[in-house]
């Protein structure tokens, strides 16, 4: 039919190809037809397509298998900012004890976090 030909021409001219071209619809007393349009823009990647004979009503399930390549994500670079070796942790513990012994107790937790951070940075930071 001219409508079907126009439809096919529009798809093909826009780089789309049918992934399946066999019957997908079958009704009693009617000619089987391909009424499902599964279109692809890369026909070369399709390895197999078809229908499954166990129909759902008048429609047959359609399938398509494609070659799909997944690229590996780039390896994340891990930057080391601190050296937590046993020697540094022992130095940190001693530094923190000294700093806290001189530290005034307050309800402001940020004072403690500053002492902690400064002690850690002075001993373990690379």
C-alpha atoms as a PDB file:
ATOM      1  CA  UNK A   1       0.000   0.000   0.000  1.00  0.00           C
ATOM      2  CA  UNK A   2       1.156   3.553  -0.537  1.00  0.00           C
ATOM      3  CA  UNK A   3       0.810   4.469   3.164  1.00  0.00           C
ATOM      4  CA  UNK A   4       3.012   1.536   4.171  1.00  0.00           C
ATOM      5  CA  UNK A   5       5.565   2.418   1.477  1.00  0.00           C
ATOM      6  CA  UNK A   6       5.671   6.082   2.608  1.00  0.00           C
ATOM      7  CA  UNK A   7       6.076   4.979   6.215  1.00  0.00           C
ATOM      8  CA  UNK A   8       8.964   2.678   5.285  1.00  0.00           C
ATOM      9  CA  UNK A   9      10.621   5.359   3.114  1.00  0.00           C
ATOM     10  CA  UNK A  10      10.453   7.937   5.922  1.00  0.00           C
ATOM     11  CA  UNK A  11      12.058   5.532   8.381  1.00  0.00           C
ATOM     12  CA  UNK A  12      14.795   4.403   6.003  1.00  0.00           C
ATOM     13  CA  UNK A  13      15.606   7.965   4.931  1.00  0.00           C
ATOM     14  CA  UNK A  14      16.078   8.858   8.621  1.00  0.00           C
ATOM     15  CA  UNK A  15      18.478   5.992   9.238  1.00  0.00           C
ATOM     16  CA  UNK A  16      15.992   3.652  10.868  1.00  0.00           C
ATOM     17  CA  UNK A  17      15.641   0.041   9.768  1.00  0.00           C
ATOM     18  CA  UNK A  18      13.078  -2.527  10.827  1.00  0.00           C
ATOM     19  CA  UNK A  19      14.526  -5.068  13.259  1.00  0.00           C
ATOM     20  CA  UNK A  20      11.826  -7.543  12.299  1.00  0.00           C
ATOM     21  CA  UNK A  21       9.888  -8.085   9.089  1.00  0.00           C
ATOM     22  CA  UNK A  22       7.912 -11.253   9.731  1.00  0.00           C
ATOM     23  CA  UNK A  23       4.324 -11.633  10.881  1.00  0.00           C
ATOM     24  CA  UNK A  24       3.597 -10.400  14.389  1.00  0.00           C
ATOM     25  CA  UNK A  25      -0.199 -10.394  14.244  1.00  0.00           C
ATOM     26  CA  UNK A  26      -2.525 -13.180  13.350  1.00  0.00           C
ATOM     27  CA  UNK A  27      -6.308 -13.083  13.427  1.00  0.00           C
ATOM     28  CA  UNK A  28      -8.712 -15.821  12.383  1.00  0.00           C
ATOM     29  CA  UNK A  29      -9.937 -15.410   8.793  1.00  0.00           C
ATOM     30  CA  UNK A  30      -7.320 -12.695   8.111  1.00  0.00           C
ATOM     31  CA  UNK A  31      -3.948 -12.667   6.441  1.00  0.00           C
ATOM     32  CA  UNK A  32      -1.037 -12.662   8.989  1.00  0.00           C
ATOM     33  CA  UNK A  33       0.698  -9.273   9.060  1.00  0.00           C
ATOM     34  CA  UNK A  34       3.684  -7.501  10.533  1.00  0.00           C
ATOM     35  CA  UNK A  35       2.046  -4.665  12.428  1.00  0.00           C
ATOM     36  CA  UNK A  36       4.708  -4.172  15.131  1.00  0.00           C
ATOM     37  CA  UNK A  37       7.418  -1.701  14.204  1.00  0.00           C
ATOM     38  CA  UNK A  38      10.639  -2.391  16.028  1.00  0.00           C
ATOM     39  CA  UNK A  39      13.108   0.096  14.543  1.00  0.00           C
ATOM     40  CA  UNK A  40      16.857   0.393  15.034  1.00  0.00           C
ATOM     41  CA  UNK A  41      19.457   2.925  13.989  1.00  0.00           C
ATOM     42  CA  UNK A  42      22.218   0.275  13.922  1.00  0.00           C
ATOM     43  CA  UNK A  43      21.022  -2.800  12.039  1.00  0.00           C
ATOM     44  CA  UNK A  44      24.540  -4.281  12.003  1.00  0.00           C
ATOM     45  CA  UNK A  45      24.392  -4.903  15.755  1.00  0.00           C
ATOM     46  CA  UNK A  46      21.310  -7.129  15.530  1.00  0.00           C
ATOM     47  CA  UNK A  47      22.308 -10.775  15.705  1.00  0.00           C
ATOM     48  CA  UNK A  48      18.845 -12.340  15.775  1.00  0.00           C
ATOM     49  CA  UNK A  49      15.226 -11.247  15.872  1.00  0.00           C
ATOM     50  CA  UNK A  50      11.885 -12.960  15.575  1.00  0.00           C
ATOM     51  CA  UNK A  51       8.610 -13.808  17.225  1.00  0.00           C
ATOM     52  CA  UNK A  52       7.653 -16.346  19.853  1.00  0.00           C
ATOM     53  CA  UNK A  53       4.958 -18.733  18.688  1.00  0.00           C
ATOM     54  CA  UNK A  54       3.049 -18.569  21.993  1.00  0.00           C
ATOM     55  CA  UNK A  55       0.887 -15.623  21.084  1.00  0.00           C
ATOM     56  CA  UNK A  56      -0.732 -13.219  23.492  1.00  0.00           C
ATOM     57  CA  UNK A  57      -4.149 -12.859  21.966  1.00  0.00           C
ATOM     58  CA  UNK A  58      -3.690 -11.982  18.313  1.00  0.00           C
ATOM     59  CA  UNK A  59      -0.157 -10.637  18.839  1.00  0.00           C
ATOM     60  CA  UNK A  60       3.001 -12.700  18.958  1.00  0.00           C
ATOM     61  CA  UNK A  61       5.745 -11.572  21.358  1.00  0.00           C
ATOM     62  CA  UNK A  62       8.660  -9.985  19.489  1.00  0.00           C
ATOM     63  CA  UNK A  63      12.315 -10.292  20.511  1.00  0.00           C
ATOM     64  CA  UNK A  64      15.600  -8.902  19.256  1.00  0.00           C
ATOM     65  CA  UNK A  65      19.160  -9.774  20.298  1.00  0.00           C
ATOM     66  CA  UNK A  66      21.950  -7.287  19.696  1.00  0.00           C
ATOM     67  CA  UNK A  67      25.703  -7.202  20.067  1.00  0.00           C
ATOM     68  CA  UNK A  68      26.252  -4.762  22.879  1.00  0.00           C
ATOM     69  CA  UNK A  69      29.677  -3.657  23.954  1.00  0.00           C
ATOM     70  CA  UNK A  70      30.138  -2.098  27.341  1.00  0.00           C
ATOM     71  CA  UNK A  71      33.227  -0.054  27.885  1.00  0.00           C
ATOM     72  CA  UNK A  72      34.978  -0.327  31.197  1.00  0.00           C
ATOM     73  CA  UNK A  73      34.693   2.798  33.282  1.00  0.00           C
ATOM     74  CA  UNK A  74      37.987   4.612  33.702  1.00  0.00           C
ATOM     75  CA  UNK A  75      39.897   3.613  36.788  1.00  0.00           C
ATOM     76  CA  UNK A  76      39.425   6.075  39.566  1.00  0.00           C
ATOM     77  CA  UNK A  77      42.544   7.778  40.751  1.00  0.00           C
ATOM     78  CA  UNK A  78      42.909   7.588  44.489  1.00  0.00           C
ATOM     79  CA  UNK A  79      44.883  10.437  45.921  1.00  0.00           C
ATOM     80  CA  UNK A  80      46.434   9.795  49.284  1.00  0.00           C
ATOM     81  CA  UNK A  81      46.213  12.797  51.577  1.00  0.00           C
ATOM     82  CA  UNK A  82      47.147  11.193  54.885  1.00  0.00           C
ATOM     83  CA  UNK A  83      49.573   8.512  56.014  1.00  0.00           C
ATOM     84  CA  UNK A  84      48.001   6.476  58.795  1.00  0.00           C
ATOM     85  CA  UNK A  85      50.946   4.184  59.453  1.00  0.00           C
ATOM     86  CA  UNK A  86      51.368   2.914  63.022  1.00  0.00           C
ATOM     87  CA  UNK A  87      54.230   5.312  63.718  1.00  0.00           C
ATOM     88  CA  UNK A  88      52.147   8.334  62.650  1.00  0.00           C
ATOM     89  CA  UNK A  89      49.127   7.155  64.623  1.00  0.00           C
ATOM     90  CA  UNK A  90      51.272   6.874  67.745  1.00  0.00           C
ATOM     91  CA  UNK A  91      52.611  10.409  67.135  1.00  0.00           C
ATOM     92  CA  UNK A  92      49.043  11.635  66.572  1.00  0.00           C
ATOM     93  CA  UNK A  93      47.879  10.075  69.842  1.00  0.00           C
ATOM     94  CA  UNK A  94      50.704  11.779  71.757  1.00  0.00           C
ATOM     95  CA  UNK A  95      50.148  15.119  70.015  1.00  0.00           C
ATOM     96  CA  UNK A  96      46.405  14.983  70.696  1.00  0.00           C
ATOM     97  CA  UNK A  97      46.977  14.126  74.379  1.00  0.00           C
ATOM     98  CA  UNK A  98      49.336  17.103  74.726  1.00  0.00           C
ATOM     99  CA  UNK A  99      47.001  19.505  72.930  1.00  0.00           C
ATOM    100  CA  UNK A 100      43.953  18.348  74.900  1.00  0.00           C
ATOM    101  CA  UNK A 101      45.829  18.674  78.199  1.00  0.00           C
ATOM    102  CA  UNK A 102      46.291  22.371  77.363  1.00  0.00           C
ATOM    103  CA  UNK A 103      42.790  22.738  75.932  1.00  0.00           C
ATOM    104  CA  UNK A 104      40.102  24.601  77.853  1.00  0.00           C
ATOM    105  CA  UNK A 105      36.928  22.587  78.228  1.00  0.00           C
ATOM    106  CA  UNK A 106      33.941  24.285  76.603  1.00  0.00           C
ATOM    107  CA  UNK A 107      30.505  23.508  75.255  1.00  0.00           C
ATOM    108  CA  UNK A 108      31.648  24.513  71.784  1.00  0.00           C
ATOM    109  CA  UNK A 109      32.411  21.244  70.008  1.00  0.00           C
ATOM    110  CA  UNK A 110      34.131  23.094  67.184  1.00  0.00           C
ATOM    111  CA  UNK A 111      37.051  23.880  69.534  1.00  0.00           C
ATOM    112  CA  UNK A 112      37.653  20.162  70.011  1.00  0.00           C
ATOM    113  CA  UNK A 113      37.316  19.401  66.276  1.00  0.00           C
ATOM    114  CA  UNK A 114      39.858  22.151  65.538  1.00  0.00           C
ATOM    115  CA  UNK A 115      42.351  20.661  68.008  1.00  0.00           C
ATOM    116  CA  UNK A 116      41.727  17.184  66.612  1.00  0.00           C
ATOM    117  CA  UNK A 117      42.070  18.308  62.955  1.00  0.00           C
ATOM    118  CA  UNK A 118      45.182  20.382  63.590  1.00  0.00           C
ATOM    119  CA  UNK A 119      46.836  17.507  65.466  1.00  0.00           C
ATOM    120  CA  UNK A 120      45.999  15.042  62.734  1.00  0.00           C
ATOM    121  CA  UNK A 121      47.162  17.369  59.961  1.00  0.00           C
ATOM    122  CA  UNK A 122      50.451  18.167  61.698  1.00  0.00           C
ATOM    123  CA  UNK A 123      51.368  14.478  62.055  1.00  0.00           C
ATOM    124  CA  UNK A 124      49.645  12.483  59.277  1.00  0.00           C
ATOM    125  CA  UNK A 125      48.959  14.860  56.438  1.00  0.00           C
ATOM    126  CA  UNK A 126      51.204  14.336  53.421  1.00  0.00           C
END
